[in-house]
Amino acid sequence: MTAQTSRLILIISAFLAGLVLCLSVVVLVAQRGGVPLPQTATVGGPFSLVDQQGKKITEQDLKGRPFLVFFGFTHCPDVCPTALFEISEVFRRLGPDADRAAALFITVDPERDTPALIKDYLSNFDPHLRGLTGDREAVDAVIKAYRVYARKVETPGGGYTMDHTALVYLMDKEGRFVAPFNLKRRPEEAAAELRRYL
C-alpha cells in the first residue's frame, strides 16, 4: 500500500467518522424533542368589533363565506379609496354570487373612525363592504392578529395621518388566511379567483 493510498483511506475514514458522529447527535436531539419543527405564521383569528350599523361582529359571523380584509382609515387620501373601489368592482363582477362572500374594511384609526363616519364613507362603495371599528385595544388586537403595520404620523398643524399595510387578505370559509389578494388585474379575473372559494 502506497503512502498516497494510506492517506486517502485515512481521509475517507475521518470523513465517515465525522458523518456518523453528526448523525448520532441529530438523532439524539430529535429523540429528546429538541429539534424545532418549522412553524407556519398564522394570519387572522378571533376578533370582536362593531360595524357601521353599530352591530357587534366577530369572526364567527363570517363562517361559511370567503372574505376579503383591508385595513385603512376614512381620512386616507388615496390608497384606501382606491382599494375599496377595486374591491367594489370585484363584488360587482361577482353578480348574485356576491351575497355568498364578504369584504371587511377595518380601521387602523378608531379614535376618529366612528361607526357613523364609516357608514357615511362606505356609502360611496359596494354595499357588501362592512366597515369595522372598536376601542383601541380591540382594534390593536386585530391589527396584531393580521400582522398589519399601522403607525400614527403627525402632520403640520397638529393633525395626523396613518401609515399602514395596504394589503388585501383573502380568507377562506373557515376564516383561514389563503393569500394576499391581488387587485392589480382585471376585476373579472379577481372575481373568478374569489368565486373559487365560494
N, C-alpha and C. Protein backbone atom coordinates (compact mmCIF):
# COMPACT_ATOMS: atom_id res chain seq x y z
N MET A 1 0.86 -1.19 0.00
CA MET A 1 0.00 0.00 0.00
C MET A 1 0.89 1.24 0.00
N THR A 2 0.65 2.12 -0.91
CA THR A 2 1.47 3.32 -1.03
C THR A 2 1.05 4.34 0.03
N ALA A 3 1.92 5.32 0.23
CA ALA A 3 1.63 6.38 1.20
C ALA A 3 0.41 7.18 0.76
N GLN A 4 0.25 7.37 -0.55
CA GLN A 4 -0.89 8.14 -1.07
C GLN A 4 -2.20 7.41 -0.79
N THR A 5 -2.21 6.07 -1.01
CA THR A 5 -3.42 5.28 -0.75
C THR A 5 -3.76 5.31 0.74
N SER A 6 -2.74 5.19 1.58
CA SER A 6 -2.96 5.23 3.03
C SER A 6 -3.58 6.57 3.45
N ARG A 7 -3.08 7.66 2.88
CA ARG A 7 -3.59 8.98 3.20
C ARG A 7 -5.06 9.10 2.77
N LEU A 8 -5.40 8.57 1.58
CA LEU A 8 -6.77 8.62 1.07
C LEU A 8 -7.71 7.84 1.97
N ILE A 9 -7.28 6.65 2.39
CA ILE A 9 -8.11 5.82 3.30
C ILE A 9 -8.32 6.55 4.63
N LEU A 10 -7.27 7.20 5.11
CA LEU A 10 -7.37 7.93 6.37
C LEU A 10 -8.35 9.10 6.27
N ILE A 11 -8.32 9.82 5.16
CA ILE A 11 -9.23 10.96 4.95
C ILE A 11 -10.66 10.48 4.87
N ILE A 12 -10.90 9.41 4.09
CA ILE A 12 -12.26 8.86 3.96
C ILE A 12 -12.77 8.36 5.30
N SER A 13 -11.90 7.69 6.06
CA SER A 13 -12.30 7.17 7.39
C SER A 13 -12.67 8.31 8.32
N ALA A 14 -11.87 9.40 8.30
CA ALA A 14 -12.16 10.55 9.16
C ALA A 14 -13.48 11.20 8.77
N PHE A 15 -13.74 11.32 7.45
CA PHE A 15 -14.99 11.89 6.97
C PHE A 15 -16.18 11.06 7.42
N LEU A 16 -16.08 9.72 7.25
CA LEU A 16 -17.19 8.83 7.65
C LEU A 16 -17.42 8.86 9.15
N ALA A 17 -16.35 8.95 9.93
CA ALA A 17 -16.49 9.01 11.39
C ALA A 17 -17.20 10.31 11.79
N GLY A 18 -16.83 11.42 11.14
CA GLY A 18 -17.49 12.70 11.41
C GLY A 18 -18.95 12.68 11.03
N LEU A 19 -19.27 12.05 9.90
CA LEU A 19 -20.66 11.94 9.44
C LEU A 19 -21.49 11.13 10.43
N VAL A 20 -20.93 10.01 10.87
CA VAL A 20 -21.64 9.17 11.86
C VAL A 20 -21.87 9.94 13.15
N LEU A 21 -20.86 10.68 13.60
CA LEU A 21 -20.99 11.46 14.83
C LEU A 21 -22.07 12.53 14.68
N CYS A 22 -22.06 13.21 13.55
CA CYS A 22 -23.06 14.25 13.29
C CYS A 22 -24.47 13.68 13.28
N LEU A 23 -24.67 12.57 12.59
CA LEU A 23 -26.00 11.94 12.52
C LEU A 23 -26.43 11.45 13.90
N SER A 24 -25.49 10.96 14.68
CA SER A 24 -25.83 10.49 16.03
C SER A 24 -26.35 11.63 16.89
N VAL A 25 -25.70 12.79 16.79
CA VAL A 25 -26.15 13.96 17.55
C VAL A 25 -27.54 14.39 17.12
N VAL A 26 -27.79 14.42 15.79
CA VAL A 26 -29.11 14.80 15.28
C VAL A 26 -30.19 13.85 15.80
N VAL A 27 -29.93 12.55 15.74
CA VAL A 27 -30.91 11.56 16.22
C VAL A 27 -31.15 11.72 17.71
N LEU A 28 -30.07 11.93 18.48
CA LEU A 28 -30.19 12.08 19.92
C LEU A 28 -31.03 13.30 20.28
N VAL A 29 -30.76 14.44 19.64
CA VAL A 29 -31.51 15.67 19.90
C VAL A 29 -32.97 15.51 19.49
N ALA A 30 -33.21 14.85 18.34
CA ALA A 30 -34.58 14.65 17.86
C ALA A 30 -35.36 13.78 18.83
N GLN A 31 -34.70 12.75 19.40
CA GLN A 31 -35.39 11.86 20.35
C GLN A 31 -35.79 12.60 21.62
N ARG A 32 -35.03 13.61 21.97
CA ARG A 32 -35.33 14.39 23.17
C ARG A 32 -36.33 15.51 22.88
N GLY A 33 -36.75 15.62 21.63
CA GLY A 33 -37.74 16.64 21.28
C GLY A 33 -37.14 18.02 21.12
N GLY A 34 -35.83 18.09 20.91
CA GLY A 34 -35.19 19.38 20.82
C GLY A 34 -35.11 19.97 19.43
N VAL A 35 -35.56 19.23 18.42
CA VAL A 35 -35.50 19.77 17.07
C VAL A 35 -36.75 20.59 16.80
N PRO A 36 -36.60 21.90 16.63
CA PRO A 36 -37.80 22.72 16.39
C PRO A 36 -38.39 22.40 15.03
N LEU A 37 -39.70 22.20 15.01
CA LEU A 37 -40.38 21.96 13.74
C LEU A 37 -40.68 23.29 13.08
N PRO A 38 -40.64 23.32 11.76
CA PRO A 38 -40.97 24.58 11.08
C PRO A 38 -42.39 25.01 11.44
N GLN A 39 -42.55 26.30 11.72
CA GLN A 39 -43.86 26.83 12.09
C GLN A 39 -44.40 27.70 10.96
N THR A 40 -45.68 27.54 10.66
CA THR A 40 -46.32 28.40 9.67
C THR A 40 -46.90 29.60 10.41
N ALA A 41 -46.57 30.79 9.94
CA ALA A 41 -47.08 32.01 10.57
C ALA A 41 -48.58 32.09 10.34
N THR A 42 -49.32 32.27 11.42
CA THR A 42 -50.77 32.38 11.28
C THR A 42 -51.15 33.84 11.05
N VAL A 43 -52.16 34.03 10.24
CA VAL A 43 -52.69 35.36 9.95
C VAL A 43 -54.18 35.31 10.21
N GLY A 44 -54.68 36.28 10.95
CA GLY A 44 -56.10 36.30 11.27
C GLY A 44 -56.36 35.64 12.61
N GLY A 45 -57.63 35.57 12.95
CA GLY A 45 -58.01 34.97 14.22
C GLY A 45 -59.25 35.62 14.79
N PRO A 46 -59.56 35.28 16.04
CA PRO A 46 -60.77 35.82 16.66
C PRO A 46 -60.73 37.35 16.80
N PHE A 47 -61.88 37.98 16.66
CA PHE A 47 -61.98 39.42 16.90
C PHE A 47 -63.41 39.75 17.30
N SER A 48 -63.57 40.91 17.91
CA SER A 48 -64.89 41.42 18.29
C SER A 48 -64.88 42.92 18.07
N LEU A 49 -65.57 43.35 17.00
CA LEU A 49 -65.60 44.77 16.63
C LEU A 49 -67.05 45.19 16.38
N VAL A 50 -67.22 46.42 15.93
CA VAL A 50 -68.56 46.97 15.67
C VAL A 50 -68.58 47.45 14.23
N ASP A 51 -69.67 47.12 13.49
CA ASP A 51 -69.75 47.54 12.09
C ASP A 51 -70.37 48.94 11.98
N GLN A 52 -70.56 49.39 10.74
CA GLN A 52 -71.05 50.75 10.51
C GLN A 52 -72.50 50.95 10.94
N GLN A 53 -73.20 49.85 11.21
CA GLN A 53 -74.57 49.95 11.72
C GLN A 53 -74.60 49.94 13.25
N GLY A 54 -73.42 49.83 13.87
CA GLY A 54 -73.36 49.75 15.33
C GLY A 54 -73.55 48.34 15.84
N LYS A 55 -73.53 47.36 14.94
CA LYS A 55 -73.76 45.96 15.32
C LYS A 55 -72.43 45.27 15.60
N LYS A 56 -72.40 44.52 16.71
CA LYS A 56 -71.20 43.76 17.04
C LYS A 56 -70.99 42.66 15.99
N ILE A 57 -69.75 42.48 15.58
CA ILE A 57 -69.42 41.42 14.62
C ILE A 57 -68.14 40.72 15.08
N THR A 58 -68.15 39.40 14.97
CA THR A 58 -66.96 38.60 15.29
C THR A 58 -66.62 37.75 14.08
N GLU A 59 -65.50 37.05 14.16
CA GLU A 59 -65.10 36.16 13.06
C GLU A 59 -66.14 35.07 12.82
N GLN A 60 -66.92 34.73 13.85
CA GLN A 60 -67.93 33.68 13.71
C GLN A 60 -69.04 34.09 12.74
N ASP A 61 -69.29 35.39 12.64
CA ASP A 61 -70.34 35.88 11.73
C ASP A 61 -69.97 35.68 10.26
N LEU A 62 -68.70 35.40 10.00
CA LEU A 62 -68.24 35.25 8.61
C LEU A 62 -68.07 33.78 8.21
N LYS A 63 -68.25 32.87 9.15
CA LYS A 63 -68.05 31.45 8.85
C LYS A 63 -68.99 31.02 7.72
N GLY A 64 -68.44 30.23 6.80
CA GLY A 64 -69.23 29.73 5.68
C GLY A 64 -69.12 30.57 4.43
N ARG A 65 -68.39 31.71 4.53
CA ARG A 65 -68.20 32.57 3.35
C ARG A 65 -66.74 32.98 3.27
N PRO A 66 -66.16 32.96 2.07
CA PRO A 66 -64.83 33.54 1.94
C PRO A 66 -64.95 35.05 2.09
N PHE A 67 -63.88 35.69 2.56
CA PHE A 67 -63.98 37.14 2.71
C PHE A 67 -62.62 37.81 2.48
N LEU A 68 -62.71 39.07 2.08
CA LEU A 68 -61.53 39.91 1.90
C LEU A 68 -61.44 40.86 3.09
N VAL A 69 -60.21 41.16 3.50
CA VAL A 69 -59.99 42.09 4.61
C VAL A 69 -58.99 43.15 4.16
N PHE A 70 -59.37 44.42 4.37
CA PHE A 70 -58.46 45.53 4.07
C PHE A 70 -58.43 46.45 5.28
N PHE A 71 -57.23 46.83 5.70
CA PHE A 71 -57.06 47.75 6.82
C PHE A 71 -56.77 49.16 6.27
N GLY A 72 -57.47 50.15 6.80
CA GLY A 72 -57.27 51.51 6.33
C GLY A 72 -57.92 52.49 7.28
N PHE A 73 -58.24 53.67 6.78
CA PHE A 73 -58.91 54.68 7.62
C PHE A 73 -59.61 55.68 6.71
N THR A 74 -60.64 56.30 7.23
CA THR A 74 -61.50 57.14 6.39
C THR A 74 -60.84 58.44 5.94
N HIS A 75 -59.81 58.90 6.65
CA HIS A 75 -59.12 60.12 6.24
C HIS A 75 -57.98 59.84 5.25
N CYS A 76 -57.87 58.61 4.82
CA CYS A 76 -56.82 58.20 3.88
C CYS A 76 -57.04 58.90 2.54
N PRO A 77 -56.02 59.58 2.00
CA PRO A 77 -56.24 60.38 0.80
C PRO A 77 -56.31 59.61 -0.51
N ASP A 78 -55.64 58.46 -0.62
CA ASP A 78 -55.61 57.81 -1.94
C ASP A 78 -55.63 56.28 -1.90
N VAL A 79 -54.75 55.67 -1.13
CA VAL A 79 -54.63 54.20 -1.15
C VAL A 79 -55.94 53.52 -0.74
N CYS A 80 -56.54 53.98 0.34
CA CYS A 80 -57.76 53.31 0.85
C CYS A 80 -58.95 53.44 -0.12
N PRO A 81 -59.28 54.66 -0.58
CA PRO A 81 -60.41 54.73 -1.51
C PRO A 81 -60.16 53.95 -2.80
N THR A 82 -58.90 53.91 -3.24
CA THR A 82 -58.60 53.14 -4.45
C THR A 82 -58.83 51.66 -4.22
N ALA A 83 -58.33 51.13 -3.10
CA ALA A 83 -58.51 49.71 -2.79
C ALA A 83 -59.99 49.37 -2.62
N LEU A 84 -60.75 50.23 -1.94
CA LEU A 84 -62.17 49.95 -1.72
C LEU A 84 -62.96 50.03 -3.03
N PHE A 85 -62.56 50.92 -3.91
CA PHE A 85 -63.19 50.97 -5.23
C PHE A 85 -62.91 49.67 -5.99
N GLU A 86 -61.66 49.20 -5.95
CA GLU A 86 -61.30 47.97 -6.66
C GLU A 86 -62.02 46.75 -6.08
N ILE A 87 -62.16 46.71 -4.75
CA ILE A 87 -62.92 45.62 -4.12
C ILE A 87 -64.38 45.69 -4.56
N SER A 88 -64.92 46.91 -4.62
CA SER A 88 -66.30 47.10 -5.07
C SER A 88 -66.50 46.57 -6.49
N GLU A 89 -65.52 46.82 -7.35
CA GLU A 89 -65.59 46.33 -8.73
C GLU A 89 -65.57 44.80 -8.78
N VAL A 90 -64.78 44.19 -7.91
CA VAL A 90 -64.74 42.72 -7.85
C VAL A 90 -66.11 42.19 -7.45
N PHE A 91 -66.72 42.80 -6.44
CA PHE A 91 -68.03 42.33 -5.99
C PHE A 91 -69.11 42.58 -7.04
N ARG A 92 -68.97 43.66 -7.77
CA ARG A 92 -69.93 43.92 -8.86
C ARG A 92 -69.83 42.81 -9.91
N ARG A 93 -68.61 42.37 -10.21
CA ARG A 93 -68.41 41.31 -11.21
C ARG A 93 -68.87 39.95 -10.69
N LEU A 94 -68.97 39.78 -9.38
CA LEU A 94 -69.46 38.51 -8.83
C LEU A 94 -70.95 38.33 -9.10
N GLY A 95 -71.65 39.42 -9.33
CA GLY A 95 -73.09 39.33 -9.58
C GLY A 95 -73.82 38.75 -8.38
N PRO A 96 -74.75 37.81 -8.60
CA PRO A 96 -75.50 37.22 -7.49
C PRO A 96 -74.62 36.48 -6.49
N ASP A 97 -73.43 36.03 -6.92
CA ASP A 97 -72.53 35.33 -6.00
C ASP A 97 -71.95 36.25 -4.94
N ALA A 98 -72.08 37.55 -5.12
CA ALA A 98 -71.52 38.50 -4.15
C ALA A 98 -72.12 38.30 -2.76
N ASP A 99 -73.37 37.83 -2.70
CA ASP A 99 -74.02 37.60 -1.40
C ASP A 99 -73.41 36.41 -0.66
N ARG A 100 -72.62 35.60 -1.36
CA ARG A 100 -72.01 34.41 -0.74
C ARG A 100 -70.58 34.68 -0.29
N ALA A 101 -70.13 35.92 -0.42
CA ALA A 101 -68.80 36.33 0.03
C ALA A 101 -68.94 37.58 0.90
N ALA A 102 -67.84 38.04 1.47
CA ALA A 102 -67.88 39.24 2.31
C ALA A 102 -66.59 40.03 2.11
N ALA A 103 -66.64 41.29 2.50
CA ALA A 103 -65.46 42.15 2.45
C ALA A 103 -65.49 43.07 3.67
N LEU A 104 -64.35 43.14 4.36
CA LEU A 104 -64.24 43.96 5.56
C LEU A 104 -63.25 45.09 5.35
N PHE A 105 -63.64 46.27 5.80
CA PHE A 105 -62.75 47.42 5.88
C PHE A 105 -62.56 47.68 7.37
N ILE A 106 -61.37 47.37 7.89
CA ILE A 106 -61.11 47.52 9.32
C ILE A 106 -60.24 48.75 9.53
N THR A 107 -60.74 49.68 10.35
CA THR A 107 -59.99 50.91 10.55
C THR A 107 -58.74 50.68 11.39
N VAL A 108 -57.70 51.45 11.08
CA VAL A 108 -56.50 51.49 11.92
C VAL A 108 -56.50 52.79 12.74
N ASP A 109 -57.61 53.53 12.63
CA ASP A 109 -57.74 54.85 13.28
C ASP A 109 -59.06 54.94 14.03
N PRO A 110 -59.25 54.08 15.06
CA PRO A 110 -60.55 54.05 15.74
C PRO A 110 -60.87 55.33 16.51
N GLU A 111 -59.85 56.13 16.82
CA GLU A 111 -60.11 57.38 17.54
C GLU A 111 -60.99 58.32 16.71
N ARG A 112 -60.81 58.31 15.40
CA ARG A 112 -61.63 59.18 14.53
C ARG A 112 -62.75 58.40 13.83
N ASP A 113 -62.51 57.13 13.52
CA ASP A 113 -63.45 56.38 12.70
C ASP A 113 -64.56 55.73 13.54
N THR A 114 -65.60 56.51 13.77
CA THR A 114 -66.79 56.02 14.47
C THR A 114 -67.65 55.22 13.49
N PRO A 115 -68.58 54.41 13.98
CA PRO A 115 -69.49 53.71 13.07
C PRO A 115 -70.21 54.66 12.12
N ALA A 116 -70.66 55.81 12.62
CA ALA A 116 -71.40 56.76 11.77
C ALA A 116 -70.51 57.31 10.65
N LEU A 117 -69.26 57.63 10.98
CA LEU A 117 -68.34 58.16 9.97
C LEU A 117 -68.01 57.08 8.93
N ILE A 118 -67.80 55.86 9.38
CA ILE A 118 -67.52 54.75 8.45
C ILE A 118 -68.72 54.48 7.56
N LYS A 119 -69.92 54.56 8.13
CA LYS A 119 -71.13 54.35 7.34
C LYS A 119 -71.23 55.37 6.21
N ASP A 120 -70.98 56.62 6.53
CA ASP A 120 -71.02 57.66 5.53
C ASP A 120 -69.94 57.43 4.46
N TYR A 121 -68.75 57.07 4.90
CA TYR A 121 -67.62 56.84 4.00
C TYR A 121 -67.90 55.68 3.04
N LEU A 122 -68.43 54.59 3.58
CA LEU A 122 -68.66 53.40 2.75
C LEU A 122 -69.88 53.53 1.84
N SER A 123 -70.67 54.57 2.01
CA SER A 123 -71.82 54.77 1.12
C SER A 123 -71.38 55.01 -0.32
N ASN A 124 -70.10 55.30 -0.49
CA ASN A 124 -69.55 55.53 -1.83
C ASN A 124 -69.11 54.23 -2.53
N PHE A 125 -69.22 53.11 -1.81
CA PHE A 125 -68.69 51.85 -2.34
C PHE A 125 -69.76 50.76 -2.33
N ASP A 126 -69.36 49.56 -2.75
CA ASP A 126 -70.31 48.45 -2.82
C ASP A 126 -70.93 48.17 -1.46
N PRO A 127 -72.24 47.89 -1.42
CA PRO A 127 -72.92 47.67 -0.14
C PRO A 127 -72.48 46.40 0.60
N HIS A 128 -71.74 45.52 -0.07
CA HIS A 128 -71.25 44.32 0.62
C HIS A 128 -70.10 44.63 1.57
N LEU A 129 -69.49 45.80 1.43
CA LEU A 129 -68.38 46.18 2.30
C LEU A 129 -68.91 46.51 3.69
N ARG A 130 -68.30 45.87 4.70
CA ARG A 130 -68.64 46.18 6.08
C ARG A 130 -67.44 46.86 6.72
N GLY A 131 -67.68 48.02 7.31
CA GLY A 131 -66.62 48.75 7.99
C GLY A 131 -66.62 48.41 9.46
N LEU A 132 -65.45 48.12 10.01
CA LEU A 132 -65.35 47.71 11.42
C LEU A 132 -64.46 48.65 12.20
N THR A 133 -64.91 48.95 13.42
CA THR A 133 -64.14 49.76 14.35
C THR A 133 -64.36 49.21 15.76
N GLY A 134 -63.80 49.87 16.73
CA GLY A 134 -63.93 49.44 18.12
C GLY A 134 -63.03 50.30 18.97
N ASP A 135 -62.83 49.91 20.22
CA ASP A 135 -61.89 50.67 21.03
C ASP A 135 -60.47 50.34 20.59
N ARG A 136 -59.52 51.14 21.05
CA ARG A 136 -58.13 50.98 20.61
C ARG A 136 -57.60 49.57 20.88
N GLU A 137 -57.94 49.03 22.03
CA GLU A 137 -57.45 47.70 22.40
C GLU A 137 -57.96 46.62 21.44
N ALA A 138 -59.26 46.69 21.11
CA ALA A 138 -59.85 45.69 20.21
C ALA A 138 -59.27 45.80 18.81
N VAL A 139 -59.09 47.03 18.34
CA VAL A 139 -58.53 47.24 17.00
C VAL A 139 -57.07 46.79 16.97
N ASP A 140 -56.31 47.12 18.00
CA ASP A 140 -54.91 46.70 18.05
C ASP A 140 -54.77 45.18 18.05
N ALA A 141 -55.72 44.49 18.69
CA ALA A 141 -55.67 43.03 18.71
C ALA A 141 -55.85 42.45 17.30
N VAL A 142 -56.74 43.05 16.51
CA VAL A 142 -56.94 42.59 15.13
C VAL A 142 -55.74 42.93 14.27
N ILE A 143 -55.20 44.13 14.46
CA ILE A 143 -54.01 44.54 13.72
C ILE A 143 -52.88 43.54 13.97
N LYS A 144 -52.72 43.15 15.23
CA LYS A 144 -51.67 42.19 15.57
C LYS A 144 -51.96 40.82 14.97
N ALA A 145 -53.22 40.38 15.04
CA ALA A 145 -53.58 39.05 14.52
C ALA A 145 -53.33 38.95 13.01
N TYR A 146 -53.53 40.04 12.29
CA TYR A 146 -53.34 40.03 10.84
C TYR A 146 -51.93 40.49 10.44
N ARG A 147 -51.09 40.74 11.44
CA ARG A 147 -49.70 41.15 11.19
C ARG A 147 -49.62 42.41 10.33
N VAL A 148 -50.46 43.36 10.69
CA VAL A 148 -50.54 44.61 9.95
C VAL A 148 -49.61 45.64 10.59
N TYR A 149 -48.98 46.43 9.76
CA TYR A 149 -48.20 47.57 10.23
C TYR A 149 -49.12 48.79 10.22
N ALA A 150 -49.21 49.50 11.33
CA ALA A 150 -50.01 50.73 11.40
C ALA A 150 -49.35 51.66 12.40
N ARG A 151 -49.14 52.91 11.97
CA ARG A 151 -48.47 53.88 12.83
C ARG A 151 -49.01 55.28 12.57
N LYS A 152 -49.25 56.00 13.67
CA LYS A 152 -49.72 57.38 13.56
C LYS A 152 -48.54 58.28 13.19
N VAL A 153 -48.76 59.17 12.23
CA VAL A 153 -47.71 60.10 11.79
C VAL A 153 -48.25 61.53 11.93
N GLU A 154 -47.59 62.32 12.77
CA GLU A 154 -48.02 63.70 12.98
C GLU A 154 -47.83 64.51 11.69
N THR A 155 -48.75 65.44 11.44
CA THR A 155 -48.66 66.31 10.27
C THR A 155 -48.61 67.77 10.73
N PRO A 156 -48.10 68.67 9.90
CA PRO A 156 -48.05 70.09 10.29
C PRO A 156 -49.45 70.61 10.64
N GLY A 157 -49.51 71.43 11.65
CA GLY A 157 -50.80 71.99 12.06
C GLY A 157 -51.45 71.21 13.17
N GLY A 158 -50.78 70.18 13.68
CA GLY A 158 -51.30 69.43 14.81
C GLY A 158 -52.17 68.23 14.46
N GLY A 159 -52.34 67.94 13.17
CA GLY A 159 -53.13 66.77 12.78
C GLY A 159 -52.26 65.53 12.66
N TYR A 160 -52.83 64.51 12.10
CA TYR A 160 -52.05 63.29 11.88
C TYR A 160 -52.65 62.48 10.74
N THR A 161 -51.84 61.60 10.21
CA THR A 161 -52.28 60.61 9.23
C THR A 161 -51.83 59.25 9.74
N MET A 162 -52.12 58.20 8.99
CA MET A 162 -51.74 56.85 9.41
C MET A 162 -50.95 56.17 8.30
N ASP A 163 -49.77 55.68 8.65
CA ASP A 163 -49.05 54.77 7.75
C ASP A 163 -49.57 53.38 8.06
N HIS A 164 -49.85 52.59 7.02
CA HIS A 164 -50.38 51.26 7.29
C HIS A 164 -50.14 50.32 6.12
N THR A 165 -50.22 49.03 6.42
CA THR A 165 -50.13 48.00 5.41
C THR A 165 -51.29 48.15 4.44
N ALA A 166 -51.00 48.06 3.14
CA ALA A 166 -52.06 48.23 2.14
C ALA A 166 -52.36 46.91 1.43
N LEU A 167 -52.30 45.84 2.18
CA LEU A 167 -52.53 44.50 1.64
C LEU A 167 -54.00 44.12 1.78
N VAL A 168 -54.52 43.39 0.80
CA VAL A 168 -55.87 42.81 0.92
C VAL A 168 -55.68 41.33 1.22
N TYR A 169 -56.30 40.87 2.29
CA TYR A 169 -56.16 39.48 2.74
C TYR A 169 -57.34 38.67 2.22
N LEU A 170 -57.06 37.51 1.63
CA LEU A 170 -58.11 36.58 1.22
C LEU A 170 -58.20 35.49 2.27
N MET A 171 -59.38 35.37 2.87
CA MET A 171 -59.64 34.36 3.90
C MET A 171 -60.66 33.36 3.36
N ASP A 172 -60.50 32.09 3.73
CA ASP A 172 -61.44 31.08 3.23
C ASP A 172 -62.69 31.00 4.09
N LYS A 173 -63.56 30.03 3.80
CA LYS A 173 -64.85 29.91 4.51
C LYS A 173 -64.68 29.63 6.00
N GLU A 174 -63.52 29.09 6.38
CA GLU A 174 -63.26 28.79 7.79
C GLU A 174 -62.51 29.92 8.49
N GLY A 175 -62.29 31.02 7.77
CA GLY A 175 -61.57 32.14 8.36
C GLY A 175 -60.07 31.97 8.36
N ARG A 176 -59.56 31.04 7.54
CA ARG A 176 -58.12 30.83 7.44
C ARG A 176 -57.54 31.66 6.31
N PHE A 177 -56.37 32.21 6.54
CA PHE A 177 -55.69 33.02 5.54
C PHE A 177 -55.30 32.15 4.35
N VAL A 178 -55.65 32.60 3.14
CA VAL A 178 -55.28 31.88 1.91
C VAL A 178 -54.04 32.52 1.30
N ALA A 179 -54.12 33.81 0.99
CA ALA A 179 -53.03 34.51 0.33
C ALA A 179 -53.38 35.99 0.22
N PRO A 180 -52.39 36.83 -0.07
CA PRO A 180 -52.73 38.22 -0.41
C PRO A 180 -53.58 38.21 -1.68
N PHE A 181 -54.59 39.07 -1.73
CA PHE A 181 -55.50 39.10 -2.86
C PHE A 181 -55.08 40.23 -3.79
N ASN A 182 -54.76 39.88 -5.01
CA ASN A 182 -54.23 40.83 -5.99
C ASN A 182 -55.37 41.61 -6.66
N LEU A 183 -55.40 42.91 -6.42
CA LEU A 183 -56.40 43.76 -7.06
C LEU A 183 -55.87 44.42 -8.33
N LYS A 184 -54.58 44.27 -8.58
CA LYS A 184 -53.98 44.91 -9.75
C LYS A 184 -54.11 44.02 -10.99
N ARG A 185 -55.33 43.70 -11.34
CA ARG A 185 -55.67 42.91 -12.53
C ARG A 185 -57.10 43.24 -12.89
N ARG A 186 -57.58 42.68 -13.96
CA ARG A 186 -58.95 42.96 -14.36
C ARG A 186 -59.91 42.46 -13.28
N PRO A 187 -60.95 43.25 -12.96
CA PRO A 187 -61.91 42.83 -11.93
C PRO A 187 -62.51 41.45 -12.20
N GLU A 188 -62.69 41.10 -13.48
CA GLU A 188 -63.26 39.78 -13.82
C GLU A 188 -62.33 38.66 -13.36
N GLU A 189 -61.02 38.87 -13.49
CA GLU A 189 -60.05 37.86 -13.07
C GLU A 189 -60.04 37.72 -11.55
N ALA A 190 -60.07 38.86 -10.86
CA ALA A 190 -60.09 38.83 -9.39
C ALA A 190 -61.37 38.17 -8.89
N ALA A 191 -62.49 38.49 -9.53
CA ALA A 191 -63.78 37.87 -9.15
C ALA A 191 -63.73 36.37 -9.37
N ALA A 192 -63.12 35.93 -10.45
CA ALA A 192 -63.03 34.50 -10.75
C ALA A 192 -62.23 33.78 -9.67
N GLU A 193 -61.18 34.41 -9.17
CA GLU A 193 -60.40 33.79 -8.08
C GLU A 193 -61.23 33.68 -6.81
N LEU A 194 -61.91 34.78 -6.44
CA LEU A 194 -62.71 34.75 -5.23
C LEU A 194 -63.84 33.73 -5.35
N ARG A 195 -64.41 33.60 -6.54
CA ARG A 195 -65.51 32.65 -6.76
C ARG A 195 -65.06 31.21 -6.50
N ARG A 196 -63.78 30.92 -6.67
CA ARG A 196 -63.30 29.55 -6.44
C ARG A 196 -63.42 29.12 -4.99
N TYR A 197 -63.51 30.10 -4.08
CA TYR A 197 -63.58 29.79 -2.65
C TYR A 197 -65.01 29.80 -2.11
N LEU A 198 -66.00 30.05 -2.97
CA LEU A 198 -67.40 30.10 -2.52
C LEU A 198 -67.88 28.71 -2.11
